[in-house]
């Protein structure tokens, strides 16, 4: 019986610290879009008719934080879930969104992790 990446992240404290550090680092010092490749799959889930991108690996985090427009849907809404990420990363994510022209920015702490929502 396999475990999902979200469940593995939630249980391992060192992985949670590492992913939080990656989120903070990429939010404050975004990687160049041409250098960040999505080598790792990003899970996409439908939750109450809303598409949410789940970023459970460092490669996916770097890929989407390099260019936030990659995660924006046709309605101009951005929804990203960072499983296991500590709330310490929330202010840096909000800073990054506002610097890139997003409005109605929110970071919610859910049971799964940090849920980042914004509109363009």
PDB file of N, CA and C in Angstrom:
ATOM      1  N   UNK A   1       0.845  -1.178   0.000  1.00  0.00           N
ATOM      2  CA  UNK A   1       0.000   0.000   0.000  1.00  0.00           C
ATOM      3  C   UNK A   1       0.889   1.239   0.000  1.00  0.00           C
ATOM      4  N   UNK A   2       0.777   2.075  -1.040  1.00  0.00           N
ATOM      5  CA  UNK A   2       1.594   3.274  -1.165  1.00  0.00           C
ATOM      6  C   UNK A   2       0.991   4.454  -0.430  1.00  0.00           C
ATOM      7  N   UNK A   3       1.848   5.360  -0.074  1.00  0.00           N
ATOM      8  CA  UNK A   3       1.372   6.570   0.581  1.00  0.00           C
ATOM      9  C   UNK A   3       1.519   7.734  -0.379  1.00  0.00           C
ATOM     10  N   UNK A   4       0.613   8.662  -0.291  1.00  0.00           N
ATOM     11  CA  UNK A   4       0.652   9.824  -1.169  1.00  0.00           C
ATOM     12  C   UNK A   4       1.755  10.775  -0.716  1.00  0.00           C
ATOM     13  N   UNK A   5       2.283  11.590  -1.650  1.00  0.00           N
ATOM     14  CA  UNK A   5       3.315  12.556  -1.258  1.00  0.00           C
ATOM     15  C   UNK A   5       2.824  13.538  -0.200  1.00  0.00           C
ATOM     16  N   UNK A   6       1.524  13.891  -0.261  1.00  0.00           N
ATOM     17  CA  UNK A   6       0.985  14.826   0.719  1.00  0.00           C
ATOM     18  C   UNK A   6       1.038  14.234   2.123  1.00  0.00           C
ATOM     19  N   UNK A   7       0.747  12.920   2.231  1.00  0.00           N
ATOM     20  CA  UNK A   7       0.763  12.263   3.542  1.00  0.00           C
ATOM     21  C   UNK A   7       2.188  12.134   4.058  1.00  0.00           C
ATOM     22  N   UNK A   8       3.146  11.843   3.168  1.00  0.00           N
ATOM     23  CA  UNK A   8       4.549  11.737   3.579  1.00  0.00           C
ATOM     24  C   UNK A   8       5.067  13.080   4.073  1.00  0.00           C
ATOM     25  N   UNK A   9       4.700  14.147   3.382  1.00  0.00           N
ATOM     26  CA  UNK A   9       5.160  15.483   3.771  1.00  0.00           C
ATOM     27  C   UNK A   9       4.597  15.858   5.124  1.00  0.00           C
ATOM     28  N   UNK A  10       3.339  15.544   5.342  1.00  0.00           N
ATOM     29  CA  UNK A  10       2.677  15.959   6.567  1.00  0.00           C
ATOM     30  C   UNK A  10       3.290  15.308   7.798  1.00  0.00           C
ATOM     31  N   UNK A  11       3.798  14.090   7.661  1.00  0.00           N
ATOM     32  CA  UNK A  11       4.300  13.371   8.812  1.00  0.00           C
ATOM     33  C   UNK A  11       5.758  13.611   9.136  1.00  0.00           C
ATOM     34  N   UNK A  12       6.579  13.957   8.189  1.00  0.00           N
ATOM     35  CA  UNK A  12       8.009  14.077   8.409  1.00  0.00           C
ATOM     36  C   UNK A  12       8.382  15.536   8.688  1.00  0.00           C
ATOM     37  N   UNK A  13       8.851  15.793   9.887  1.00  0.00           N
ATOM     38  CA  UNK A  13       9.152  17.154  10.321  1.00  0.00           C
ATOM     39  C   UNK A  13      10.296  17.778   9.524  1.00  0.00           C
ATOM     40  N   UNK A  14      11.332  17.011   9.216  1.00  0.00           N
ATOM     41  CA  UNK A  14      12.461  17.555   8.455  1.00  0.00           C
ATOM     42  C   UNK A  14      12.058  17.945   7.040  1.00  0.00           C
ATOM     43  N   UNK A  15      11.208  17.138   6.415  1.00  0.00           N
ATOM     44  CA  UNK A  15      10.727  17.481   5.071  1.00  0.00           C
ATOM     45  C   UNK A  15       9.886  18.746   5.127  1.00  0.00           C
ATOM     46  N   UNK A  16       9.085  18.884   6.169  1.00  0.00           N
ATOM     47  CA  UNK A  16       8.259  20.092   6.317  1.00  0.00           C
ATOM     48  C   UNK A  16       9.135  21.342   6.461  1.00  0.00           C
ATOM     49  N   UNK A  17      10.197  21.256   7.261  1.00  0.00           N
ATOM     50  CA  UNK A  17      11.115  22.393   7.397  1.00  0.00           C
ATOM     51  C   UNK A  17      11.803  22.701   6.068  1.00  0.00           C
ATOM     52  N   UNK A  18      12.222  21.657   5.356  1.00  0.00           N
ATOM     53  CA  UNK A  18      12.893  21.845   4.069  1.00  0.00           C
ATOM     54  C   UNK A  18      11.961  22.520   3.057  1.00  0.00           C
ATOM     55  N   UNK A  19      10.717  22.026   2.927  1.00  0.00           N
ATOM     56  CA  UNK A  19       9.778  22.620   1.978  1.00  0.00           C
ATOM     57  C   UNK A  19       9.422  24.057   2.362  1.00  0.00           C
ATOM     58  N   UNK A  20       9.316  24.325   3.660  1.00  0.00           N
ATOM     59  CA  UNK A  20       9.056  25.697   4.105  1.00  0.00           C
ATOM     60  C   UNK A  20      10.217  26.603   3.732  1.00  0.00           C
ATOM     61  N   UNK A  21      11.445  26.135   3.898  1.00  0.00           N
ATOM     62  CA  UNK A  21      12.621  26.925   3.522  1.00  0.00           C
ATOM     63  C   UNK A  21      12.663  27.161   2.009  1.00  0.00           C
ATOM     64  N   UNK A  22      12.290  26.157   1.224  1.00  0.00           N
ATOM     65  CA  UNK A  22      12.256  26.319  -0.239  1.00  0.00           C
ATOM     66  C   UNK A  22      11.209  27.353  -0.634  1.00  0.00           C
ATOM     67  N   UNK A  23      10.035  27.297  -0.009  1.00  0.00           N
ATOM     68  CA  UNK A  23       8.969  28.259  -0.318  1.00  0.00           C
ATOM     69  C   UNK A  23       9.416  29.677   0.036  1.00  0.00           C
ATOM     70  N   UNK A  24      10.004  29.862   1.219  1.00  0.00           N
ATOM     71  CA  UNK A  24      10.455  31.194   1.634  1.00  0.00           C
ATOM     72  C   UNK A  24      11.553  31.688   0.695  1.00  0.00           C
ATOM     73  N   UNK A  25      12.514  30.840   0.384  1.00  0.00           N
ATOM     74  CA  UNK A  25      13.606  31.239  -0.502  1.00  0.00           C
ATOM     75  C   UNK A  25      13.126  31.603  -1.897  1.00  0.00           C
ATOM     76  N   UNK A  26      12.225  30.797  -2.455  1.00  0.00           N
ATOM     77  CA  UNK A  26      11.723  31.073  -3.808  1.00  0.00           C
ATOM     78  C   UNK A  26      10.768  32.255  -3.835  1.00  0.00           C
ATOM     79  N   UNK A  27      10.097  32.537  -2.728  1.00  0.00           N
ATOM     80  CA  UNK A  27       9.217  33.705  -2.680  1.00  0.00           C
ATOM     81  C   UNK A  27      10.025  34.997  -2.589  1.00  0.00           C
ATOM     82  N   UNK A  28      11.108  34.981  -1.831  1.00  0.00           N
ATOM     83  CA  UNK A  28      11.924  36.185  -1.685  1.00  0.00           C
ATOM     84  C   UNK A  28      12.906  36.370  -2.838  1.00  0.00           C
ATOM     85  N   UNK A  29      13.460  35.275  -3.337  1.00  0.00           N
ATOM     86  CA  UNK A  29      14.434  35.314  -4.426  1.00  0.00           C
ATOM     87  C   UNK A  29      13.987  34.336  -5.507  1.00  0.00           C
ATOM     88  N   UNK A  30      13.024  34.754  -6.345  1.00  0.00           N
ATOM     89  CA  UNK A  30      12.452  33.824  -7.314  1.00  0.00           C
ATOM     90  C   UNK A  30      13.480  33.353  -8.336  1.00  0.00           C
ATOM     91  N   UNK A  31      13.447  32.064  -8.686  1.00  0.00           N
ATOM     92  CA  UNK A  31      14.344  31.575  -9.722  1.00  0.00           C
ATOM     93  C   UNK A  31      13.937  32.120 -11.083  1.00  0.00           C
ATOM     94  N   UNK A  32      14.852  32.121 -12.014  1.00  0.00           N
ATOM     95  CA  UNK A  32      14.537  32.584 -13.361  1.00  0.00           C
ATOM     96  C   UNK A  32      13.607  31.570 -14.031  1.00  0.00           C
ATOM     97  N   UNK A  33      12.576  32.066 -14.718  1.00  0.00           N
ATOM     98  CA  UNK A  33      11.616  31.141 -15.340  1.00  0.00           C
ATOM     99  C   UNK A  33      12.252  30.194 -16.348  1.00  0.00           C
ATOM    100  N   UNK A  34      13.255  30.651 -17.095  1.00  0.00           N
ATOM    101  CA  UNK A  34      13.849  29.778 -18.100  1.00  0.00           C
ATOM    102  C   UNK A  34      14.716  28.685 -17.478  1.00  0.00           C
ATOM    103  N   UNK A  35      15.170  28.897 -16.252  1.00  0.00           N
ATOM    104  CA  UNK A  35      16.008  27.888 -15.590  1.00  0.00           C
ATOM    105  C   UNK A  35      15.203  26.873 -14.800  1.00  0.00           C
ATOM    106  N   UNK A  36      13.984  27.203 -14.474  1.00  0.00           N
ATOM    107  CA  UNK A  36      13.179  26.276 -13.679  1.00  0.00           C
ATOM    108  C   UNK A  36      12.363  25.400 -14.616  1.00  0.00           C
ATOM    109  N   UNK A  37      12.599  24.127 -14.506  1.00  0.00           N
ATOM    110  CA  UNK A  37      11.866  23.152 -15.304  1.00  0.00           C
ATOM    111  C   UNK A  37      11.024  22.310 -14.371  1.00  0.00           C
ATOM    112  N   UNK A  38       9.877  21.912 -14.852  1.00  0.00           N
ATOM    113  CA  UNK A  38       9.004  21.071 -14.041  1.00  0.00           C
ATOM    114  C   UNK A  38       9.346  19.617 -14.303  1.00  0.00           C
ATOM    115  N   UNK A  39      10.400  19.125 -13.660  1.00  0.00           N
ATOM    116  CA  UNK A  39      10.796  17.737 -13.791  1.00  0.00           C
ATOM    117  C   UNK A  39       9.900  16.823 -12.972  1.00  0.00           C
ATOM    118  N   UNK A  40       9.286  17.382 -11.957  1.00  0.00           N
ATOM    119  CA  UNK A  40       8.451  16.594 -11.066  1.00  0.00           C
ATOM    120  C   UNK A  40       6.992  16.944 -11.321  1.00  0.00           C
ATOM    121  N   UNK A  41       6.175  15.948 -11.275  1.00  0.00           N
ATOM    122  CA  UNK A  41       4.753  16.138 -11.564  1.00  0.00           C
ATOM    123  C   UNK A  41       4.092  16.960 -10.462  1.00  0.00           C
ATOM    124  N   UNK A  42       3.173  17.797 -10.865  1.00  0.00           N
ATOM    125  CA  UNK A  42       2.369  18.582  -9.931  1.00  0.00           C
ATOM    126  C   UNK A  42       0.968  17.989  -9.939  1.00  0.00           C
ATOM    127  N   UNK A  43       0.501  17.571  -8.804  1.00  0.00           N
ATOM    128  CA  UNK A  43      -0.842  17.013  -8.723  1.00  0.00           C
ATOM    129  C   UNK A  43      -1.860  18.136  -8.812  1.00  0.00           C
ATOM    130  N   UNK A  44      -2.918  17.880  -9.517  1.00  0.00           N
ATOM    131  CA  UNK A  44      -3.977  18.856  -9.654  1.00  0.00           C
ATOM    132  C   UNK A  44      -5.263  18.193  -9.183  1.00  0.00           C
ATOM    133  N   UNK A  45      -5.920  18.775  -8.198  1.00  0.00           N
ATOM    134  CA  UNK A  45      -7.116  18.164  -7.640  1.00  0.00           C
ATOM    135  C   UNK A  45      -8.300  19.099  -7.797  1.00  0.00           C
ATOM    136  N   UNK A  46      -9.469  18.508  -7.886  1.00  0.00           N
ATOM    137  CA  UNK A  46     -10.699  19.287  -7.919  1.00  0.00           C
ATOM    138  C   UNK A  46     -11.331  19.222  -6.540  1.00  0.00           C
ATOM    139  N   UNK A  47     -11.533  20.382  -5.969  1.00  0.00           N
ATOM    140  CA  UNK A  47     -12.129  20.459  -4.646  1.00  0.00           C
ATOM    141  C   UNK A  47     -13.319  21.401  -4.741  1.00  0.00           C
ATOM    142  N   UNK A  48     -14.506  20.877  -4.596  1.00  0.00           N
ATOM    143  CA  UNK A  48     -15.755  21.636  -4.704  1.00  0.00           C
ATOM    144  C   UNK A  48     -15.770  22.500  -5.967  1.00  0.00           C
ATOM    145  N   UNK A  49     -15.508  21.855  -7.100  1.00  0.00           N
ATOM    146  CA  UNK A  49     -15.513  22.478  -8.425  1.00  0.00           C
ATOM    147  C   UNK A  49     -14.440  23.533  -8.609  1.00  0.00           C
ATOM    148  N   UNK A  50     -13.419  23.527  -7.802  1.00  0.00           N
ATOM    149  CA  UNK A  50     -12.315  24.476  -7.939  1.00  0.00           C
ATOM    150  C   UNK A  50     -11.029  23.702  -8.145  1.00  0.00           C
ATOM    151  N   UNK A  51     -10.271  24.084  -9.149  1.00  0.00           N
ATOM    152  CA  UNK A  51      -9.006  23.412  -9.446  1.00  0.00           C
ATOM    153  C   UNK A  51      -7.926  23.972  -8.534  1.00  0.00           C
ATOM    154  N   UNK A  52      -7.211  23.070  -7.845  1.00  0.00           N
ATOM    155  CA  UNK A  52      -6.135  23.472  -6.950  1.00  0.00           C
ATOM    156  C   UNK A  52      -4.883  22.699  -7.337  1.00  0.00           C
ATOM    157  N   UNK A  53      -3.776  23.397  -7.548  1.00  0.00           N
ATOM    158  CA  UNK A  53      -2.500  22.747  -7.821  1.00  0.00           C
ATOM    159  C   UNK A  53      -1.830  22.413  -6.495  1.00  0.00           C
ATOM    160  N   UNK A  54      -1.459  21.151  -6.319  1.00  0.00           N
ATOM    161  CA  UNK A  54      -0.827  20.698  -5.091  1.00  0.00           C
ATOM    162  C   UNK A  54       0.674  20.577  -5.327  1.00  0.00           C
ATOM    163  N   UNK A  55       1.455  21.360  -4.595  1.00  0.00           N
ATOM    164  CA  UNK A  55       2.903  21.381  -4.760  1.00  0.00           C
ATOM    165  C   UNK A  55       3.543  20.650  -3.588  1.00  0.00           C
ATOM    166  N   UNK A  56       3.843  19.369  -3.787  1.00  0.00           N
ATOM    167  CA  UNK A  56       4.378  18.558  -2.705  1.00  0.00           C
ATOM    168  C   UNK A  56       5.879  18.345  -2.826  1.00  0.00           C
ATOM    169  N   UNK A  57       6.499  18.768  -3.925  1.00  0.00           N
ATOM    170  CA  UNK A  57       7.930  18.554  -4.118  1.00  0.00           C
ATOM    171  C   UNK A  57       8.613  19.881  -4.407  1.00  0.00           C
ATOM    172  N   UNK A  58       9.889  19.956  -4.054  1.00  0.00           N
ATOM    173  CA  UNK A  58      10.641  21.208  -4.194  1.00  0.00           C
ATOM    174  C   UNK A  58      10.723  21.654  -5.648  1.00  0.00           C
ATOM    175  N   UNK A  59      10.840  20.726  -6.602  1.00  0.00           N
ATOM    176  CA  UNK A  59      10.913  21.084  -8.013  1.00  0.00           C
ATOM    177  C   UNK A  59       9.654  21.765  -8.502  1.00  0.00           C
ATOM    178  N   UNK A  60       8.492  21.278  -8.065  1.00  0.00           N
ATOM    179  CA  UNK A  60       7.225  21.897  -8.441  1.00  0.00           C
ATOM    180  C   UNK A  60       7.081  23.276  -7.805  1.00  0.00           C
ATOM    181  N   UNK A  61       7.565  23.419  -6.580  1.00  0.00           N
ATOM    182  CA  UNK A  61       7.503  24.726  -5.906  1.00  0.00           C
ATOM    183  C   UNK A  61       8.341  25.747  -6.677  1.00  0.00           C
ATOM    184  N   UNK A  62       9.561  25.377  -7.028  1.00  0.00           N
ATOM    185  CA  UNK A  62      10.430  26.288  -7.793  1.00  0.00           C
ATOM    186  C   UNK A  62       9.816  26.628  -9.146  1.00  0.00           C
ATOM    187  N   UNK A  63       9.215  25.642  -9.809  1.00  0.00           N
ATOM    188  CA  UNK A  63       8.628  25.832 -11.130  1.00  0.00           C
ATOM    189  C   UNK A  63       7.515  26.879 -11.086  1.00  0.00           C
ATOM    190  N   UNK A  64       6.589  26.752 -10.150  1.00  0.00           N
ATOM    191  CA  UNK A  64       5.461  27.672 -10.094  1.00  0.00           C
ATOM    192  C   UNK A  64       5.828  29.026  -9.492  1.00  0.00           C
ATOM    193  N   UNK A  65       6.734  29.067  -8.530  1.00  0.00           N
ATOM    194  CA  UNK A  65       7.112  30.353  -7.954  1.00  0.00           C
ATOM    195  C   UNK A  65       8.056  31.135  -8.862  1.00  0.00           C
ATOM    196  N   UNK A  66       8.670  30.484  -9.856  1.00  0.00           N
ATOM    197  CA  UNK A  66       9.481  31.207 -10.831  1.00  0.00           C
ATOM    198  C   UNK A  66       8.595  32.095 -11.700  1.00  0.00           C
ATOM    199  N   UNK A  67       7.415  31.616 -12.041  1.00  0.00           N
ATOM    200  CA  UNK A  67       6.459  32.389 -12.840  1.00  0.00           C
ATOM    201  C   UNK A  67       5.065  32.019 -12.360  1.00  0.00           C
ATOM    202  N   UNK A  68       4.470  32.886 -11.558  1.00  0.00           N
ATOM    203  CA  UNK A  68       3.172  32.589 -10.961  1.00  0.00           C
ATOM    204  C   UNK A  68       2.054  32.499 -11.991  1.00  0.00           C
ATOM    205  N   UNK A  69       2.264  33.052 -13.180  1.00  0.00           N
ATOM    206  CA  UNK A  69       1.239  32.976 -14.219  1.00  0.00           C
ATOM    207  C   UNK A  69       1.002  31.547 -14.682  1.00  0.00           C
ATOM    208  N   UNK A  70       1.931  30.647 -14.425  1.00  0.00           N
ATOM    209  CA  UNK A  70       1.750  29.237 -14.786  1.00  0.00           C
ATOM    210  C   UNK A  70       0.613  28.590 -14.021  1.00  0.00           C
ATOM    211  N   UNK A  71       0.289  29.125 -12.870  1.00  0.00           N
ATOM    212  CA  UNK A  71      -0.754  28.542 -12.028  1.00  0.00           C
ATOM    213  C   UNK A  71      -2.083  29.283 -12.130  1.00  0.00           C
ATOM    214  N   UNK A  72      -2.159  30.320 -12.944  1.00  0.00           N
ATOM    215  CA  UNK A  72      -3.386  31.103 -13.072  1.00  0.00           C
ATOM    216  C   UNK A  72      -4.312  30.406 -14.072  1.00  0.00           C
ATOM    217  N   UNK A  73      -5.579  30.244 -13.686  1.00  0.00           N
ATOM    218  CA  UNK A  73      -6.535  29.604 -14.594  1.00  0.00           C
ATOM    219  C   UNK A  73      -7.163  30.637 -15.529  1.00  0.00           C
ATOM    220  N   UNK A  74      -8.136  30.207 -16.312  1.00  0.00           N
ATOM    221  CA  UNK A  74      -8.759  31.089 -17.312  1.00  0.00           C
ATOM    222  C   UNK A  74      -9.533  32.240 -16.688  1.00  0.00           C
ATOM    223  N   UNK A  75      -9.984  32.059 -15.468  1.00  0.00           N
ATOM    224  CA  UNK A  75     -10.725  33.116 -14.774  1.00  0.00           C
ATOM    225  C   UNK A  75      -9.799  34.125 -14.112  1.00  0.00           C
ATOM    226  N   UNK A  76      -8.496  33.888 -14.190  1.00  0.00           N
ATOM    227  CA  UNK A  76      -7.537  34.776 -13.556  1.00  0.00           C
ATOM    228  C   UNK A  76      -7.309  34.483 -12.089  1.00  0.00           C
ATOM    229  N   UNK A  77      -7.677  33.279 -11.660  1.00  0.00           N
ATOM    230  CA  UNK A  77      -7.528  32.903 -10.260  1.00  0.00           C
ATOM    231  C   UNK A  77      -6.335  31.973 -10.079  1.00  0.00           C
ATOM    232  N   UNK A  78      -5.637  32.158  -8.992  1.00  0.00           N
ATOM    233  CA  UNK A  78      -4.486  31.333  -8.651  1.00  0.00           C
ATOM    234  C   UNK A  78      -4.817  30.557  -7.387  1.00  0.00           C
ATOM    235  N   UNK A  79      -4.617  29.243  -7.430  1.00  0.00           N
ATOM    236  CA  UNK A  79      -4.852  28.397  -6.252  1.00  0.00           C
ATOM    237  C   UNK A  79      -3.715  27.399  -6.159  1.00  0.00           C
ATOM    238  N   UNK A  80      -2.918  27.518  -5.111  1.00  0.00           N
ATOM    239  CA  UNK A  80      -1.798  26.606  -4.887  1.00  0.00           C
ATOM    240  C   UNK A  80      -1.871  26.069  -3.459  1.00  0.00           C
ATOM    241  N   UNK A  81      -1.618  24.777  -3.315  1.00  0.00           N
ATOM    242  CA  UNK A  81      -1.579  24.158  -1.996  1.00  0.00           C
ATOM    243  C   UNK A  81      -0.166  23.661  -1.745  1.00  0.00           C
ATOM    244  N   UNK A  82       0.405  24.073  -0.634  1.00  0.00           N
ATOM    245  CA  UNK A  82       1.744  23.644  -0.218  1.00  0.00           C
ATOM    246  C   UNK A  82       1.569  22.691   0.973  1.00  0.00           C
ATOM    247  N   UNK A  83       1.489  21.373   0.731  1.00  0.00           N
ATOM    248  CA  UNK A  83       1.239  20.429   1.820  1.00  0.00           C
ATOM    249  C   UNK A  83       2.365  20.418   2.842  1.00  0.00           C
ATOM    250  N   UNK A  84       1.993  20.486   4.103  1.00  0.00           N
ATOM    251  CA  UNK A  84       2.967  20.398   5.179  1.00  0.00           C
ATOM    252  C   UNK A  84       3.771  21.660   5.427  1.00  0.00           C
ATOM    253  N   UNK A  85       3.571  22.686   4.647  1.00  0.00           N
ATOM    254  CA  UNK A  85       4.342  23.930   4.795  1.00  0.00           C
ATOM    255  C   UNK A  85       3.895  24.667   6.060  1.00  0.00           C
ATOM    256  N   UNK A  86       4.856  25.148   6.811  1.00  0.00           N
ATOM    257  CA  UNK A  86       4.548  25.870   8.044  1.00  0.00           C
ATOM    258  C   UNK A  86       4.021  27.279   7.741  1.00  0.00           C
ATOM    259  N   UNK A  87       3.169  27.832   8.619  1.00  0.00           N
ATOM    260  CA  UNK A  87       2.602  29.167   8.407  1.00  0.00           C
ATOM    261  C   UNK A  87       3.653  30.279   8.360  1.00  0.00           C
ATOM    262  N   UNK A  88       4.872  29.995   8.769  1.00  0.00           N
ATOM    263  CA  UNK A  88       5.951  30.970   8.723  1.00  0.00           C
ATOM    264  C   UNK A  88       6.185  31.498   7.302  1.00  0.00           C
ATOM    265  N   UNK A  89       5.845  30.712   6.289  1.00  0.00           N
ATOM    266  CA  UNK A  89       6.059  31.099   4.893  1.00  0.00           C
ATOM    267  C   UNK A  89       4.964  32.021   4.356  1.00  0.00           C
ATOM    268  N   UNK A  90       3.869  32.176   5.055  1.00  0.00           N
ATOM    269  CA  UNK A  90       2.729  32.950   4.557  1.00  0.00           C
ATOM    270  C   UNK A  90       3.067  34.409   4.219  1.00  0.00           C
ATOM    271  N   UNK A  91       3.743  35.167   5.082  1.00  0.00           N
ATOM    272  CA  UNK A  91       4.035  36.564   4.729  1.00  0.00           C
ATOM    273  C   UNK A  91       4.896  36.705   3.473  1.00  0.00           C
ATOM    274  N   UNK A  92       5.834  35.786   3.271  1.00  0.00           N
ATOM    275  CA  UNK A  92       6.680  35.880   2.081  1.00  0.00           C
ATOM    276  C   UNK A  92       5.891  35.567   0.814  1.00  0.00           C
ATOM    277  N   UNK A  93       4.943  34.636   0.903  1.00  0.00           N
ATOM    278  CA  UNK A  93       4.091  34.344  -0.253  1.00  0.00           C
ATOM    279  C   UNK A  93       3.191  35.527  -0.591  1.00  0.00           C
ATOM    280  N   UNK A  94       2.624  36.162   0.428  1.00  0.00           N
ATOM    281  CA  UNK A  94       1.787  37.344   0.189  1.00  0.00           C
ATOM    282  C   UNK A  94       2.596  38.488  -0.411  1.00  0.00           C
ATOM    283  N   UNK A  95       3.804  38.677   0.086  1.00  0.00           N
ATOM    284  CA  UNK A  95       4.705  39.703  -0.464  1.00  0.00           C
ATOM    285  C   UNK A  95       4.952  39.453  -1.953  1.00  0.00           C
ATOM    286  N   UNK A  96       5.236  38.215  -2.296  1.00  0.00           N
ATOM    287  CA  UNK A  96       5.512  37.870  -3.688  1.00  0.00           C
ATOM    288  C   UNK A  96       4.302  38.097  -4.596  1.00  0.00           C
ATOM    289  N   UNK A  97       3.116  37.730  -4.107  1.00  0.00           N
ATOM    290  CA  UNK A  97       1.899  37.932  -4.897  1.00  0.00           C
ATOM    291  C   UNK A  97       1.628  39.411  -5.147  1.00  0.00           C
ATOM    292  N   UNK A  98       1.743  40.206  -4.119  1.00  0.00           N
ATOM    293  CA  UNK A  98       1.474  41.641  -4.276  1.00  0.00           C
ATOM    294  C   UNK A  98       2.497  42.307  -5.198  1.00  0.00           C
ATOM    295  N   UNK A  99       3.741  41.875  -5.139  1.00  0.00           N
ATOM    296  CA  UNK A  99       4.778  42.423  -6.030  1.00  0.00           C
ATOM    297  C   UNK A  99       4.518  42.073  -7.491  1.00  0.00           C
ATOM    298  N   UNK A 100       3.786  40.975  -7.729  1.00  0.00           N
ATOM    299  CA  UNK A 100       3.484  40.544  -9.088  1.00  0.00           C
ATOM    300  C   UNK A 100       2.106  40.984  -9.567  1.00  0.00           C
ATOM    301  N   UNK A 101       1.458  41.875  -8.837  1.00  0.00           N
ATOM    302  CA  UNK A 101       0.213  42.475  -9.300  1.00  0.00           C
ATOM    303  C   UNK A 101      -1.053  41.686  -9.012  1.00  0.00           C
ATOM    304  N   UNK A 102      -1.018  40.745  -8.097  1.00  0.00           N
ATOM    305  CA  UNK A 102      -2.220  40.002  -7.749  1.00  0.00           C
ATOM    306  C   UNK A 102      -3.014  40.772  -6.707  1.00  0.00           C
ATOM    307  N   UNK A 103      -4.319  40.544  -6.691  1.00  0.00           N
ATOM    308  CA  UNK A 103      -5.163  41.170  -5.678  1.00  0.00           C
ATOM    309  C   UNK A 103      -5.981  40.077  -4.991  1.00  0.00           C
ATOM    310  N   UNK A 104      -6.674  40.469  -3.932  1.00  0.00           N
ATOM    311  CA  UNK A 104      -7.446  39.543  -3.105  1.00  0.00           C
ATOM    312  C   UNK A 104      -6.587  38.328  -2.757  1.00  0.00           C
ATOM    313  N   UNK A 105      -5.419  38.579  -2.217  1.00  0.00           N
ATOM    314  CA  UNK A 105      -4.461  37.523  -1.875  1.00  0.00           C
ATOM    315  C   UNK A 105      -4.767  36.976  -0.485  1.00  0.00           C
ATOM    316  N   UNK A 106      -4.785  35.653  -0.375  1.00  0.00           N
ATOM    317  CA  UNK A 106      -5.024  35.005   0.911  1.00  0.00           C
ATOM    318  C   UNK A 106      -4.131  33.781   1.047  1.00  0.00           C
ATOM    319  N   UNK A 107      -3.674  33.559   2.256  1.00  0.00           N
ATOM    320  CA  UNK A 107      -3.002  32.314   2.594  1.00  0.00           C
ATOM    321  C   UNK A 107      -3.749  31.745   3.792  1.00  0.00           C
ATOM    322  N   UNK A 108      -4.303  30.563   3.596  1.00  0.00           N
ATOM    323  CA  UNK A 108      -5.070  29.910   4.648  1.00  0.00           C
ATOM    324  C   UNK A 108      -4.327  28.673   5.128  1.00  0.00           C
ATOM    325  N   UNK A 109      -4.299  28.481   6.434  1.00  0.00           N
ATOM    326  CA  UNK A 109      -3.724  27.265   6.997  1.00  0.00           C
ATOM    327  C   UNK A 109      -4.833  26.234   7.074  1.00  0.00           C
ATOM    328  N   UNK A 110      -4.689  25.166   6.294  1.00  0.00           N
ATOM    329  CA  UNK A 110      -5.672  24.085   6.285  1.00  0.00           C
ATOM    330  C   UNK A 110      -5.049  22.841   6.908  1.00  0.00           C
ATOM    331  N   UNK A 111      -5.815  21.789   7.008  1.00  0.00           N
ATOM    332  CA  UNK A 111      -5.286  20.525   7.532  1.00  0.00           C
ATOM    333  C   UNK A 111      -4.198  19.973   6.631  1.00  0.00           C
ATOM    334  N   UNK A 112      -4.285  20.246   5.326  1.00  0.00           N
ATOM    335  CA  UNK A 112      -3.299  19.737   4.370  1.00  0.00           C
ATOM    336  C   UNK A 112      -2.028  20.586   4.327  1.00  0.00           C
ATOM    337  N   UNK A 113      -2.119  21.850   4.601  1.00  0.00           N
ATOM    338  CA  UNK A 113      -0.978  22.755   4.522  1.00  0.00           C
ATOM    339  C   UNK A 113      -1.425  24.167   4.219  1.00  0.00           C
ATOM    340  N   UNK A 114      -0.572  24.955   3.571  1.00  0.00           N
ATOM    341  CA  UNK A 114      -0.917  26.335   3.230  1.00  0.00           C
ATOM    342  C   UNK A 114      -1.637  26.368   1.887  1.00  0.00           C
ATOM    343  N   UNK A 115      -2.796  27.016   1.861  1.00  0.00           N
ATOM    344  CA  UNK A 115      -3.566  27.194   0.638  1.00  0.00           C
ATOM    345  C   UNK A 115      -3.445  28.648   0.221  1.00  0.00           C
ATOM    346  N   UNK A 116      -2.848  28.877  -0.925  1.00  0.00           N
ATOM    347  CA  UNK A 116      -2.599  30.218  -1.455  1.00  0.00           C
ATOM    348  C   UNK A 116      -3.624  30.506  -2.536  1.00  0.00           C
ATOM    349  N   UNK A 117      -4.398  31.592  -2.371  1.00  0.00           N
ATOM    350  CA  UNK A 117      -5.368  31.990  -3.372  1.00  0.00           C
ATOM    351  C   UNK A 117      -5.195  33.458  -3.691  1.00  0.00           C
ATOM    352  N   UNK A 118      -5.427  33.811  -4.956  1.00  0.00           N
ATOM    353  CA  UNK A 118      -5.328  35.210  -5.396  1.00  0.00           C
ATOM    354  C   UNK A 118      -6.023  35.344  -6.740  1.00  0.00           C
ATOM    355  N   UNK A 119      -6.300  36.576  -7.138  1.00  0.00           N
ATOM    356  CA  UNK A 119      -6.861  36.841  -8.464  1.00  0.00           C
ATOM    357  C   UNK A 119      -5.998  37.861  -9.171  1.00  0.00           C
ATOM    358  N   UNK A 120      -6.014  37.813 -10.458  1.00  0.00           N
ATOM    359  CA  UNK A 120      -5.218  38.716 -11.288  1.00  0.00           C
ATOM    360  C   UNK A 120      -6.092  39.871 -11.685  1.00  0.00           C
TER     361      UNK A 120
END
